[in-house]
Amino acid sequence: MIKANLPHGHAEHVHDQHCKPDASGIYVISPSGAVADPETLTRAGARLIALGFKVALDRGVLHQAQRFAGTDAQRLAGFARALKQKLPIVMASRGGYGIGRLLDGLDWQAIADSGKRFVGHSDFTAFSLALLAKTEAISYAGPMACFDFGGKKTESLTAEIFGECMRGELEILSFETQDADAVDGRGILWGGNLAMITSLLGTPYMPKIKGGILFVEDVGEHPYRVERMLNQLAQAGILAKQKALILGGFTEYRLAEHDRGYDLKAAIAYLRKSVKIPVITGLPFGHTLMKVTLPIGAKVGLATEKGLAHLVLDEHQH
């Protein structure tokens, strides 16, 4: 077991060398928005290869149809090819919008039975939660090819933790928190992009999780919109059934003069008063350079102490 002490604002991760799944290769698909710059995929491929992965790009990865990475039928075909090819990890090239259009057309049992490990965030949240709702299969909230590996630089901890998670080595994730309620328990880890979670309410693709640990993040959403979406989850009876709510990154929003002091902290304070479950801030996950990789649908432990939160991941997820 190796324990790393990481700088402020980052996760501390402990990994175990036992029970390694096959993490030899990554198959990249484009299930949502069109890839704007093919060079990002070239860089991503080179960096993932340097990390020790084989990399293959789906033949439709650069398709374009309006804002989408191909027509709905073309993007569904990308999922079908991903199930048939041999590489064990399937990674989204990018997010955007579009997976919601595909949910009715995907063969969820075939996806679960394939044993592939699907990885992505943002719009990919809809896929991960639908897979969990339909089959209880585990997928991963984590990095994507273009955003995380195809830019000018790659955050080394994002890459390191992703690799450890895919190899079955990751045992504990610890992160600094400035604002955490006391909690010590276990539950199903689920969540992702807050807007995508709320978009699934009232559909057969919303997981019915009791006693779970819900994590959320978003980008470009003013704190009042974050509050409104969380309030919607609360009024729908979702939040009260969870053991804890973990808040990741909420980035790229702009406060207005008429907010008069209302900010994300005020929204979180309101949430704490209205929802009687523990709230933990500071999870290094979201539309940020540094992000951990999290197993959606796995049973995990969560504990807090002063200034720290610990996610204990199951050692034998696969």
C-alpha atoms as a PDB file:
ATOM      1  CA  MET A   1       0.000   0.000   0.000  1.00  0.00           C
ATOM      2  CA  ILE A   2       1.315   3.446  -0.937  1.00  0.00           C
ATOM      3  CA  LYS A   3       0.152   6.664   0.650  1.00  0.00           C
ATOM      4  CA  ALA A   4       0.863  10.002  -1.017  1.00  0.00           C
ATOM      5  CA  ASN A   5       0.809  13.381   0.686  1.00  0.00           C
ATOM      6  CA  LEU A   6      -0.471  15.872  -1.835  1.00  0.00           C
ATOM      7  CA  PRO A   7      -0.563  19.673  -1.835  1.00  0.00           C
ATOM      8  CA  HIS A   8      -3.456  21.814  -0.666  1.00  0.00           C
ATOM      9  CA  GLY A   9      -6.641  21.427  -2.683  1.00  0.00           C
ATOM     10  CA  HIS A  10      -5.715  18.010  -4.028  1.00  0.00           C
ATOM     11  CA  ALA A  11      -6.754  14.504  -3.134  1.00  0.00           C
ATOM     12  CA  GLU A  12      -4.637  12.128  -1.132  1.00  0.00           C
ATOM     13  CA  HIS A  13      -4.844   8.665  -2.618  1.00  0.00           C
ATOM     14  CA  VAL A  14      -3.965   5.249  -1.270  1.00  0.00           C
ATOM     15  CA  HIS A  15      -3.695   2.321  -3.634  1.00  0.00           C
ATOM     16  CA  ASP A  16      -3.464  -1.405  -3.287  1.00  0.00           C
ATOM     17  CA  GLN A  17      -1.521  -3.635  -5.681  1.00  0.00           C
ATOM     18  CA  HIS A  18      -3.877  -6.636  -5.408  1.00  0.00           C
ATOM     19  CA  CYS A  19      -6.673  -7.827  -7.739  1.00  0.00           C
ATOM     20  CA  LYS A  20      -5.757  -5.771 -10.790  1.00  0.00           C
ATOM     21  CA  PRO A  21      -8.280  -5.758 -13.643  1.00  0.00           C
ATOM     22  CA  ASP A  22      -7.117  -5.489 -17.250  1.00  0.00           C
ATOM     23  CA  ALA A  23      -6.312  -1.830 -17.902  1.00  0.00           C
ATOM     24  CA  SER A  24      -4.294  -2.346 -21.065  1.00  0.00           C
ATOM     25  CA  GLY A  25      -6.315  -0.251 -23.456  1.00  0.00           C
ATOM     26  CA  ILE A  26      -8.763   2.587 -24.049  1.00  0.00           C
ATOM     27  CA  TYR A  27     -11.319   2.883 -26.844  1.00  0.00           C
ATOM     28  CA  VAL A  28     -12.426   6.495 -27.418  1.00  0.00           C
ATOM     29  CA  ILE A  29     -15.954   7.305 -28.592  1.00  0.00           C
ATOM     30  CA  SER A  30     -17.780  10.603 -29.149  1.00  0.00           C
ATOM     31  CA  PRO A  31     -21.257  10.207 -27.629  1.00  0.00           C
ATOM     32  CA  SER A  32     -22.167  13.870 -27.220  1.00  0.00           C
ATOM     33  CA  GLY A  33     -20.806  17.085 -28.738  1.00  0.00           C
ATOM     34  CA  ALA A  34     -18.610  17.234 -31.812  1.00  0.00           C
ATOM     35  CA  VAL A  35     -14.855  17.375 -31.303  1.00  0.00           C
ATOM     36  CA  ALA A  36     -13.846  20.918 -32.236  1.00  0.00           C
ATOM     37  CA  ASP A  37     -10.131  20.301 -32.804  1.00  0.00           C
ATOM     38  CA  PRO A  38      -8.849  16.890 -33.977  1.00  0.00           C
ATOM     39  CA  GLU A  39      -5.420  17.769 -32.580  1.00  0.00           C
ATOM     40  CA  THR A  40      -6.802  17.357 -29.059  1.00  0.00           C
ATOM     41  CA  LEU A  41      -7.447  13.690 -29.821  1.00  0.00           C
ATOM     42  CA  THR A  42      -3.949  13.291 -31.270  1.00  0.00           C
ATOM     43  CA  ARG A  43      -2.421  14.732 -28.091  1.00  0.00           C
ATOM     44  CA  ALA A  44      -4.744  12.680 -25.889  1.00  0.00           C
ATOM     45  CA  GLY A  45      -3.776   9.472 -27.657  1.00  0.00           C
ATOM     46  CA  ALA A  46      -0.074  10.190 -27.302  1.00  0.00           C
ATOM     47  CA  ARG A  47      -0.389  11.017 -23.596  1.00  0.00           C
ATOM     48  CA  LEU A  48      -2.491   7.963 -22.804  1.00  0.00           C
ATOM     49  CA  ILE A  49       0.009   5.770 -24.655  1.00  0.00           C
ATOM     50  CA  ALA A  50       2.791   7.367 -22.588  1.00  0.00           C
ATOM     51  CA  LEU A  51       0.842   6.339 -19.475  1.00  0.00           C
ATOM     52  CA  GLY A  52       0.970   2.730 -20.631  1.00  0.00           C
ATOM     53  CA  PHE A  53      -2.406   2.338 -22.345  1.00  0.00           C
ATOM     54  CA  LYS A  54      -3.123   1.077 -25.829  1.00  0.00           C
ATOM     55  CA  VAL A  55      -5.447   3.563 -27.535  1.00  0.00           C
ATOM     56  CA  ALA A  56      -7.934   3.143 -30.364  1.00  0.00           C
ATOM     57  CA  LEU A  57     -10.259   5.815 -31.734  1.00  0.00           C
ATOM     58  CA  ASP A  58     -13.730   4.842 -32.863  1.00  0.00           C
ATOM     59  CA  ARG A  59     -14.161   5.508 -36.572  1.00  0.00           C
ATOM     60  CA  GLY A  60     -16.971   7.941 -35.810  1.00  0.00           C
ATOM     61  CA  VAL A  61     -15.041   9.939 -33.228  1.00  0.00           C
ATOM     62  CA  LEU A  62     -14.762  13.002 -35.508  1.00  0.00           C
ATOM     63  CA  HIS A  63     -18.227  12.863 -37.047  1.00  0.00           C
ATOM     64  CA  GLN A  64     -20.228  16.078 -37.042  1.00  0.00           C
ATOM     65  CA  ALA A  65     -23.949  16.742 -37.356  1.00  0.00           C
ATOM     66  CA  GLN A  66     -24.849  20.260 -36.253  1.00  0.00           C
ATOM     67  CA  ARG A  67     -23.447  20.531 -32.716  1.00  0.00           C
ATOM     68  CA  PHE A  68     -23.327  16.770 -32.258  1.00  0.00           C
ATOM     69  CA  ALA A  69     -20.622  14.174 -32.908  1.00  0.00           C
ATOM     70  CA  GLY A  70     -22.701  12.651 -35.681  1.00  0.00           C
ATOM     71  CA  THR A  71     -26.374  11.808 -35.946  1.00  0.00           C
ATOM     72  CA  ASP A  72     -28.087   9.951 -33.143  1.00  0.00           C
ATOM     73  CA  ALA A  73     -27.807   6.742 -35.188  1.00  0.00           C
ATOM     74  CA  GLN A  74     -24.090   7.301 -35.777  1.00  0.00           C
ATOM     75  CA  ARG A  75     -23.413   7.882 -32.089  1.00  0.00           C
ATOM     76  CA  LEU A  76     -25.440   4.799 -31.121  1.00  0.00           C
ATOM     77  CA  ALA A  77     -23.338   2.836 -33.604  1.00  0.00           C
ATOM     78  CA  GLY A  78     -20.229   4.066 -31.785  1.00  0.00           C
ATOM     79  CA  PHE A  79     -21.489   2.473 -28.566  1.00  0.00           C
ATOM     80  CA  ALA A  80     -22.216  -0.778 -30.434  1.00  0.00           C
ATOM     81  CA  ARG A  81     -18.675  -0.872 -31.845  1.00  0.00           C
ATOM     82  CA  ALA A  82     -17.275  -0.151 -28.388  1.00  0.00           C
ATOM     83  CA  LEU A  83     -18.953  -3.279 -27.039  1.00  0.00           C
ATOM     84  CA  LYS A  84     -17.546  -5.490 -29.822  1.00  0.00           C
ATOM     85  CA  GLN A  85     -13.909  -4.342 -29.744  1.00  0.00           C
ATOM     86  CA  LYS A  86     -11.375  -5.871 -27.352  1.00  0.00           C
ATOM     87  CA  LEU A  87     -10.040  -2.946 -25.306  1.00  0.00           C
ATOM     88  CA  PRO A  88     -11.471  -2.964 -21.757  1.00  0.00           C
ATOM     89  CA  ILE A  89     -11.951   0.790 -21.151  1.00  0.00           C
ATOM     90  CA  VAL A  90     -14.322   3.014 -23.132  1.00  0.00           C
ATOM     91  CA  MET A  91     -13.688   6.743 -22.686  1.00  0.00           C
ATOM     92  CA  ALA A  92     -15.762   9.655 -23.945  1.00  0.00           C
ATOM     93  CA  SER A  93     -13.870  12.143 -26.085  1.00  0.00           C
ATOM     94  CA  ARG A  94     -15.801  15.070 -24.609  1.00  0.00           C
ATOM     95  CA  GLY A  95     -19.133  16.128 -23.139  1.00  0.00           C
ATOM     96  CA  GLY A  96     -21.461  18.859 -24.335  1.00  0.00           C
ATOM     97  CA  TYR A  97     -24.954  17.622 -25.022  1.00  0.00           C
ATOM     98  CA  GLY A  98     -26.428  14.613 -26.758  1.00  0.00           C
ATOM     99  CA  ILE A  99     -26.473  11.463 -24.622  1.00  0.00           C
ATOM    100  CA  GLY A 100     -29.999  12.217 -23.455  1.00  0.00           C
ATOM    101  CA  ARG A 101     -31.128  11.620 -27.036  1.00  0.00           C
ATOM    102  CA  LEU A 102     -29.613   8.130 -27.007  1.00  0.00           C
ATOM    103  CA  LEU A 103     -30.918   6.671 -23.756  1.00  0.00           C
ATOM    104  CA  ASP A 104     -33.962   4.974 -25.294  1.00  0.00           C
ATOM    105  CA  GLY A 105     -31.833   3.419 -28.044  1.00  0.00           C
ATOM    106  CA  LEU A 106     -29.065   1.802 -25.987  1.00  0.00           C
ATOM    107  CA  ASP A 107     -29.059  -1.881 -25.056  1.00  0.00           C
ATOM    108  CA  TRP A 108     -28.345  -1.490 -21.360  1.00  0.00           C
ATOM    109  CA  GLN A 109     -28.064  -5.170 -20.563  1.00  0.00           C
ATOM    110  CA  ALA A 110     -25.592  -5.693 -23.385  1.00  0.00           C
ATOM    111  CA  ILE A 111     -23.556  -2.773 -22.080  1.00  0.00           C
ATOM    112  CA  ALA A 112     -23.500  -4.233 -18.572  1.00  0.00           C
ATOM    113  CA  ASP A 113     -22.745  -7.739 -19.822  1.00  0.00           C
ATOM    114  CA  SER A 114     -19.821  -6.488 -21.930  1.00  0.00           C
ATOM    115  CA  GLY A 115     -17.708  -5.891 -18.822  1.00  0.00           C
ATOM    116  CA  LYS A 116     -16.343  -2.680 -20.349  1.00  0.00           C
ATOM    117  CA  ARG A 117     -15.447   0.152 -18.000  1.00  0.00           C
ATOM    118  CA  PHE A 118     -17.053   3.352 -19.280  1.00  0.00           C
ATOM    119  CA  VAL A 119     -15.452   6.632 -18.206  1.00  0.00           C
ATOM    120  CA  GLY A 120     -16.499  10.273 -18.595  1.00  0.00           C
ATOM    121  CA  HIS A 121     -18.085  13.239 -16.899  1.00  0.00           C
ATOM    122  CA  SER A 122     -20.360  16.196 -17.709  1.00  0.00           C
ATOM    123  CA  ASP A 123     -22.988  15.019 -20.240  1.00  0.00           C
ATOM    124  CA  PHE A 124     -21.723  11.460 -19.703  1.00  0.00           C
ATOM    125  CA  THR A 125     -23.434  11.559 -16.289  1.00  0.00           C
ATOM    126  CA  ALA A 126     -26.699  10.700 -18.046  1.00  0.00           C
ATOM    127  CA  PHE A 127     -25.169   7.482 -19.402  1.00  0.00           C
ATOM    128  CA  SER A 128     -23.634   6.443 -16.086  1.00  0.00           C
ATOM    129  CA  LEU A 129     -26.801   7.016 -14.079  1.00  0.00           C
ATOM    130  CA  ALA A 130     -29.001   5.334 -16.691  1.00  0.00           C
ATOM    131  CA  LEU A 131     -26.694   2.305 -16.670  1.00  0.00           C
ATOM    132  CA  LEU A 132     -26.928   2.191 -12.880  1.00  0.00           C
ATOM    133  CA  ALA A 133     -30.720   2.557 -12.926  1.00  0.00           C
ATOM    134  CA  LYS A 134     -31.220  -0.134 -15.553  1.00  0.00           C
ATOM    135  CA  THR A 135     -28.588  -2.720 -14.554  1.00  0.00           C
ATOM    136  CA  GLU A 136     -26.811  -1.658 -11.326  1.00  0.00           C
ATOM    137  CA  ALA A 137     -23.532  -1.911 -13.283  1.00  0.00           C
ATOM    138  CA  ILE A 138     -20.599   0.264 -12.240  1.00  0.00           C
ATOM    139  CA  SER A 139     -19.179   2.962 -14.506  1.00  0.00           C
ATOM    140  CA  TYR A 140     -16.745   5.780 -13.759  1.00  0.00           C
ATOM    141  CA  ALA A 141     -16.991   9.509 -13.347  1.00  0.00           C
ATOM    142  CA  GLY A 142     -13.572  10.611 -14.488  1.00  0.00           C
ATOM    143  CA  PRO A 143     -11.434  12.234 -17.158  1.00  0.00           C
ATOM    144  CA  MET A 144     -12.238  12.503 -20.855  1.00  0.00           C
ATOM    145  CA  ALA A 145      -9.869  12.395 -23.798  1.00  0.00           C
ATOM    146  CA  CYS A 146     -10.080  15.944 -25.149  1.00  0.00           C
ATOM    147  CA  PHE A 147     -10.651  17.911 -21.953  1.00  0.00           C
ATOM    148  CA  ASP A 148      -8.238  16.097 -19.671  1.00  0.00           C
ATOM    149  CA  PHE A 149      -5.589  14.593 -21.945  1.00  0.00           C
ATOM    150  CA  GLY A 150      -5.781  16.681 -25.106  1.00  0.00           C
ATOM    151  CA  GLY A 151      -5.140  20.196 -23.841  1.00  0.00           C
ATOM    152  CA  LYS A 152      -1.898  22.130 -23.577  1.00  0.00           C
ATOM    153  CA  LYS A 153      -1.024  20.272 -20.402  1.00  0.00           C
ATOM    154  CA  THR A 154      -2.335  17.360 -18.375  1.00  0.00           C
ATOM    155  CA  GLU A 155      -2.787  17.467 -14.626  1.00  0.00           C
ATOM    156  CA  SER A 156      -0.471  14.714 -13.415  1.00  0.00           C
ATOM    157  CA  LEU A 157      -2.635  13.724 -10.451  1.00  0.00           C
ATOM    158  CA  THR A 158      -5.704  13.379 -12.645  1.00  0.00           C
ATOM    159  CA  ALA A 159      -3.776  10.968 -14.862  1.00  0.00           C
ATOM    160  CA  GLU A 160      -2.192   9.118 -11.935  1.00  0.00           C
ATOM    161  CA  ILE A 161      -5.435   8.559 -10.053  1.00  0.00           C
ATOM    162  CA  PHE A 162      -7.233   7.533 -13.254  1.00  0.00           C
ATOM    163  CA  GLY A 163      -4.577   4.901 -13.934  1.00  0.00           C
ATOM    164  CA  GLU A 164      -4.701   3.582 -10.368  1.00  0.00           C
ATOM    165  CA  CYS A 165      -8.484   3.336 -10.496  1.00  0.00           C
ATOM    166  CA  MET A 166      -8.496   1.490 -13.824  1.00  0.00           C
ATOM    167  CA  ARG A 167      -5.857  -0.939 -12.554  1.00  0.00           C
ATOM    168  CA  GLY A 168      -7.856  -1.670  -9.411  1.00  0.00           C
ATOM    169  CA  GLU A 169      -5.166  -0.183  -7.166  1.00  0.00           C
ATOM    170  CA  LEU A 170      -7.086   2.735  -5.670  1.00  0.00           C
ATOM    171  CA  GLU A 171      -8.242   2.083  -2.123  1.00  0.00           C
ATOM    172  CA  ILE A 172      -8.756   5.441  -0.404  1.00  0.00           C
ATOM    173  CA  LEU A 173      -9.280   9.003  -1.619  1.00  0.00           C
ATOM    174  CA  SER A 174      -8.787  11.719   0.974  1.00  0.00           C
ATOM    175  CA  PHE A 175      -9.357  15.398   0.245  1.00  0.00           C
ATOM    176  CA  GLU A 176      -9.205  18.647   2.126  1.00  0.00           C
ATOM    177  CA  THR A 177     -12.501  20.258   3.037  1.00  0.00           C
ATOM    178  CA  GLN A 178     -13.126  23.631   4.601  1.00  0.00           C
ATOM    179  CA  ASP A 179     -16.774  22.906   5.289  1.00  0.00           C
ATOM    180  CA  ALA A 180     -17.845  19.373   6.190  1.00  0.00           C
ATOM    181  CA  ASP A 181     -20.519  17.988   8.460  1.00  0.00           C
ATOM    182  CA  ALA A 182     -19.706  14.952  10.555  1.00  0.00           C
ATOM    183  CA  VAL A 183     -20.380  11.636   8.835  1.00  0.00           C
ATOM    184  CA  ASP A 184     -19.119   8.063   9.127  1.00  0.00           C
ATOM    185  CA  GLY A 185     -20.938   5.475   7.064  1.00  0.00           C
ATOM    186  CA  ARG A 186     -21.224   3.434   3.884  1.00  0.00           C
ATOM    187  CA  GLY A 187     -23.460   3.693   0.851  1.00  0.00           C
ATOM    188  CA  ILE A 188     -23.710   3.507  -2.918  1.00  0.00           C
ATOM    189  CA  LEU A 189     -21.645   6.274  -4.534  1.00  0.00           C
ATOM    190  CA  TRP A 190     -23.524   8.003  -7.329  1.00  0.00           C
ATOM    191  CA  GLY A 191     -23.908  11.391  -8.996  1.00  0.00           C
ATOM    192  CA  GLY A 192     -21.995  13.609 -11.379  1.00  0.00           C
ATOM    193  CA  ASN A 193     -23.100  16.724 -13.217  1.00  0.00           C
ATOM    194  CA  LEU A 194     -25.945  18.354 -11.319  1.00  0.00           C
ATOM    195  CA  ALA A 195     -27.856  19.589 -14.372  1.00  0.00           C
ATOM    196  CA  MET A 196     -27.760  16.110 -15.909  1.00  0.00           C
ATOM    197  CA  ILE A 197     -28.935  14.500 -12.670  1.00  0.00           C
ATOM    198  CA  THR A 198     -31.955  16.785 -12.444  1.00  0.00           C
ATOM    199  CA  SER A 199     -32.723  16.190 -16.136  1.00  0.00           C
ATOM    200  CA  LEU A 200     -33.331  12.516 -15.318  1.00  0.00           C
ATOM    201  CA  LEU A 201     -35.969  13.157 -12.641  1.00  0.00           C
ATOM    202  CA  GLY A 202     -39.234  11.475 -13.551  1.00  0.00           C
ATOM    203  CA  THR A 203     -37.586   9.217 -16.132  1.00  0.00           C
ATOM    204  CA  PRO A 204     -36.741   5.495 -15.952  1.00  0.00           C
ATOM    205  CA  TYR A 205     -33.071   6.495 -16.069  1.00  0.00           C
ATOM    206  CA  MET A 206     -32.972   8.053 -12.595  1.00  0.00           C
ATOM    207  CA  PRO A 207     -31.430   5.607 -10.092  1.00  0.00           C
ATOM    208  CA  LYS A 208     -33.503   4.867  -7.020  1.00  0.00           C
ATOM    209  CA  ILE A 209     -30.771   4.999  -4.391  1.00  0.00           C
ATOM    210  CA  LYS A 210     -31.514   4.868  -0.662  1.00  0.00           C
ATOM    211  CA  GLY A 211     -28.751   5.452   1.857  1.00  0.00           C
ATOM    212  CA  GLY A 212     -26.412   6.548  -0.911  1.00  0.00           C
ATOM    213  CA  ILE A 213     -23.576   9.043  -1.106  1.00  0.00           C
ATOM    214  CA  LEU A 214     -24.421  11.616  -3.768  1.00  0.00           C
ATOM    215  CA  PHE A 215     -21.723  13.805  -5.327  1.00  0.00           C
ATOM    216  CA  VAL A 216     -22.452  16.753  -7.612  1.00  0.00           C
ATOM    217  CA  GLU A 217     -20.594  19.351  -9.687  1.00  0.00           C
ATOM    218  CA  ASP A 218     -21.411  21.800 -12.467  1.00  0.00           C
ATOM    219  CA  VAL A 219     -20.007  24.491 -14.727  1.00  0.00           C
ATOM    220  CA  GLY A 220     -21.380  27.889 -15.741  1.00  0.00           C
ATOM    221  CA  GLU A 221     -24.270  27.689 -13.268  1.00  0.00           C
ATOM    222  CA  HIS A 222     -24.897  30.676 -10.984  1.00  0.00           C
ATOM    223  CA  PRO A 223     -25.266  29.689  -7.304  1.00  0.00           C
ATOM    224  CA  TYR A 224     -29.018  30.363  -7.434  1.00  0.00           C
ATOM    225  CA  ARG A 225     -29.318  27.800 -10.216  1.00  0.00           C
ATOM    226  CA  VAL A 226     -27.248  25.326  -8.212  1.00  0.00           C
ATOM    227  CA  GLU A 227     -29.553  25.939  -5.245  1.00  0.00           C
ATOM    228  CA  ARG A 228     -32.630  25.571  -7.447  1.00  0.00           C
ATOM    229  CA  MET A 229     -31.483  22.211  -8.827  1.00  0.00           C
ATOM    230  CA  LEU A 230     -30.534  20.887  -5.397  1.00  0.00           C
ATOM    231  CA  ASN A 231     -33.857  22.157  -4.053  1.00  0.00           C
ATOM    232  CA  GLN A 232     -35.589  20.250  -6.851  1.00  0.00           C
ATOM    233  CA  LEU A 233     -33.786  17.071  -5.813  1.00  0.00           C
ATOM    234  CA  ALA A 234     -34.786  17.763  -2.213  1.00  0.00           C
ATOM    235  CA  GLN A 235     -38.445  18.368  -3.062  1.00  0.00           C
ATOM    236  CA  ALA A 236     -38.472  15.221  -5.184  1.00  0.00           C
ATOM    237  CA  GLY A 237     -37.475  13.283  -2.067  1.00  0.00           C
ATOM    238  CA  ILE A 238     -34.046  12.347  -3.373  1.00  0.00           C
ATOM    239  CA  LEU A 239     -31.744  14.143  -0.943  1.00  0.00           C
ATOM    240  CA  ALA A 240     -33.493  13.047   2.238  1.00  0.00           C
ATOM    241  CA  LYS A 241     -32.835   9.414   1.291  1.00  0.00           C
ATOM    242  CA  GLN A 242     -29.049   9.915   1.053  1.00  0.00           C
ATOM    243  CA  LYS A 243     -26.493   9.504   3.807  1.00  0.00           C
ATOM    244  CA  ALA A 244     -24.485  12.491   2.570  1.00  0.00           C
ATOM    245  CA  LEU A 245     -24.120  15.047  -0.195  1.00  0.00           C
ATOM    246  CA  ILE A 246     -20.610  15.815  -1.474  1.00  0.00           C
ATOM    247  CA  LEU A 247     -20.033  19.007  -3.443  1.00  0.00           C
ATOM    248  CA  GLY A 248     -17.332  19.089  -6.111  1.00  0.00           C
ATOM    249  CA  GLY A 249     -16.320  21.986  -8.317  1.00  0.00           C
ATOM    250  CA  PHE A 250     -18.797  24.690  -9.324  1.00  0.00           C
ATOM    251  CA  THR A 251     -16.878  26.766 -11.823  1.00  0.00           C
ATOM    252  CA  GLU A 252     -17.117  29.498 -14.457  1.00  0.00           C
ATOM    253  CA  TYR A 253     -20.068  31.450 -13.131  1.00  0.00           C
ATOM    254  CA  ARG A 254     -20.357  35.173 -12.555  1.00  0.00           C
ATOM    255  CA  LEU A 255     -22.040  36.863  -9.607  1.00  0.00           C
ATOM    256  CA  ALA A 256     -24.168  39.963 -10.182  1.00  0.00           C
ATOM    257  CA  GLU A 257     -24.488  43.218  -8.263  1.00  0.00           C
ATOM    258  CA  HIS A 258     -28.088  42.456  -7.320  1.00  0.00           C
ATOM    259  CA  ASP A 259     -26.974  39.230  -5.602  1.00  0.00           C
ATOM    260  CA  ARG A 260     -26.099  41.482  -2.653  1.00  0.00           C
ATOM    261  CA  GLY A 261     -23.832  38.946  -0.993  1.00  0.00           C
ATOM    262  CA  TYR A 262     -25.686  35.848  -2.126  1.00  0.00           C
ATOM    263  CA  ASP A 263     -23.049  33.388  -3.321  1.00  0.00           C
ATOM    264  CA  LEU A 264     -22.320  29.666  -3.353  1.00  0.00           C
ATOM    265  CA  LYS A 265     -21.699  29.649   0.402  1.00  0.00           C
ATOM    266  CA  ALA A 266     -25.130  31.220   0.934  1.00  0.00           C
ATOM    267  CA  ALA A 267     -26.726  28.598  -1.294  1.00  0.00           C
ATOM    268  CA  ILE A 268     -25.002  25.806   0.643  1.00  0.00           C
ATOM    269  CA  ALA A 269     -26.082  27.355   3.959  1.00  0.00           C
ATOM    270  CA  TYR A 270     -29.688  27.395   2.761  1.00  0.00           C
ATOM    271  CA  LEU A 271     -29.389  23.775   1.672  1.00  0.00           C
ATOM    272  CA  ARG A 272     -28.067  22.714   5.072  1.00  0.00           C
ATOM    273  CA  LYS A 273     -31.061  24.302   6.786  1.00  0.00           C
ATOM    274  CA  SER A 274     -33.612  22.768   4.452  1.00  0.00           C
ATOM    275  CA  VAL A 275     -32.136  19.272   4.016  1.00  0.00           C
ATOM    276  CA  LYS A 276     -31.158  17.354   7.131  1.00  0.00           C
ATOM    277  CA  ILE A 277     -28.271  15.331   5.712  1.00  0.00           C
ATOM    278  CA  PRO A 278     -24.511  15.873   6.041  1.00  0.00           C
ATOM    279  CA  VAL A 279     -22.943  18.137   3.406  1.00  0.00           C
ATOM    280  CA  ILE A 280     -19.241  17.927   2.512  1.00  0.00           C
ATOM    281  CA  THR A 281     -17.462  20.429   0.257  1.00  0.00           C
ATOM    282  CA  GLY A 282     -14.131  20.279  -1.535  1.00  0.00           C
ATOM    283  CA  LEU A 283     -14.312  17.116  -3.636  1.00  0.00           C
ATOM    284  CA  PRO A 284     -11.687  17.537  -6.402  1.00  0.00           C
ATOM    285  CA  PHE A 285     -14.028  16.643  -9.230  1.00  0.00           C
ATOM    286  CA  GLY A 286     -15.805  18.638 -11.916  1.00  0.00           C
ATOM    287  CA  HIS A 287     -14.949  20.787 -14.921  1.00  0.00           C
ATOM    288  CA  THR A 288     -11.508  21.307 -13.448  1.00  0.00           C
ATOM    289  CA  LEU A 289      -7.983  20.259 -14.421  1.00  0.00           C
ATOM    290  CA  MET A 290      -7.635  18.206 -11.262  1.00  0.00           C
ATOM    291  CA  LYS A 291     -10.249  15.493 -10.937  1.00  0.00           C
ATOM    292  CA  VAL A 292     -10.404  12.146  -9.221  1.00  0.00           C
ATOM    293  CA  THR A 293     -11.949   9.064 -10.821  1.00  0.00           C
ATOM    294  CA  LEU A 294     -14.988   7.749  -8.972  1.00  0.00           C
ATOM    295  CA  PRO A 295     -16.849   4.417  -9.333  1.00  0.00           C
ATOM    296  CA  ILE A 296     -20.519   5.231  -9.847  1.00  0.00           C
ATOM    297  CA  GLY A 297     -22.611   2.440  -8.354  1.00  0.00           C
ATOM    298  CA  ALA A 298     -19.951   1.034  -6.008  1.00  0.00           C
ATOM    299  CA  LYS A 299     -20.479   0.778  -2.281  1.00  0.00           C
ATOM    300  CA  VAL A 300     -17.987   3.035  -0.534  1.00  0.00           C
ATOM    301  CA  GLY A 301     -17.240   4.364   2.914  1.00  0.00           C
ATOM    302  CA  LEU A 302     -17.273   8.047   3.802  1.00  0.00           C
ATOM    303  CA  ALA A 303     -15.824   9.613   6.931  1.00  0.00           C
ATOM    304  CA  THR A 304     -14.921  13.160   7.897  1.00  0.00           C
ATOM    305  CA  GLU A 305     -12.611  14.696  10.445  1.00  0.00           C
ATOM    306  CA  LYS A 306     -11.452  18.252  10.947  1.00  0.00           C
ATOM    307  CA  GLY A 307     -10.344  19.579   7.566  1.00  0.00           C
ATOM    308  CA  LEU A 308     -10.443  16.190   5.817  1.00  0.00           C
ATOM    309  CA  ALA A 309     -12.868  13.802   4.169  1.00  0.00           C
ATOM    310  CA  HIS A 310     -12.090  10.201   3.278  1.00  0.00           C
ATOM    311  CA  LEU A 311     -13.731   8.086   0.590  1.00  0.00           C
ATOM    312  CA  VAL A 312     -12.935   4.414   1.137  1.00  0.00           C
ATOM    313  CA  LEU A 313     -13.414   2.584  -2.141  1.00  0.00           C
ATOM    314  CA  ASP A 314     -14.121  -1.120  -2.316  1.00  0.00           C
ATOM    315  CA  GLU A 315     -10.958  -3.071  -3.038  1.00  0.00           C
ATOM    316  CA  HIS A 316     -12.724  -5.553  -5.318  1.00  0.00           C
ATOM    317  CA  GLN A 317     -15.010  -3.499  -7.533  1.00  0.00           C
ATOM    318  CA  HIS A 318     -14.728  -5.672 -10.603  1.00  0.00           C
END
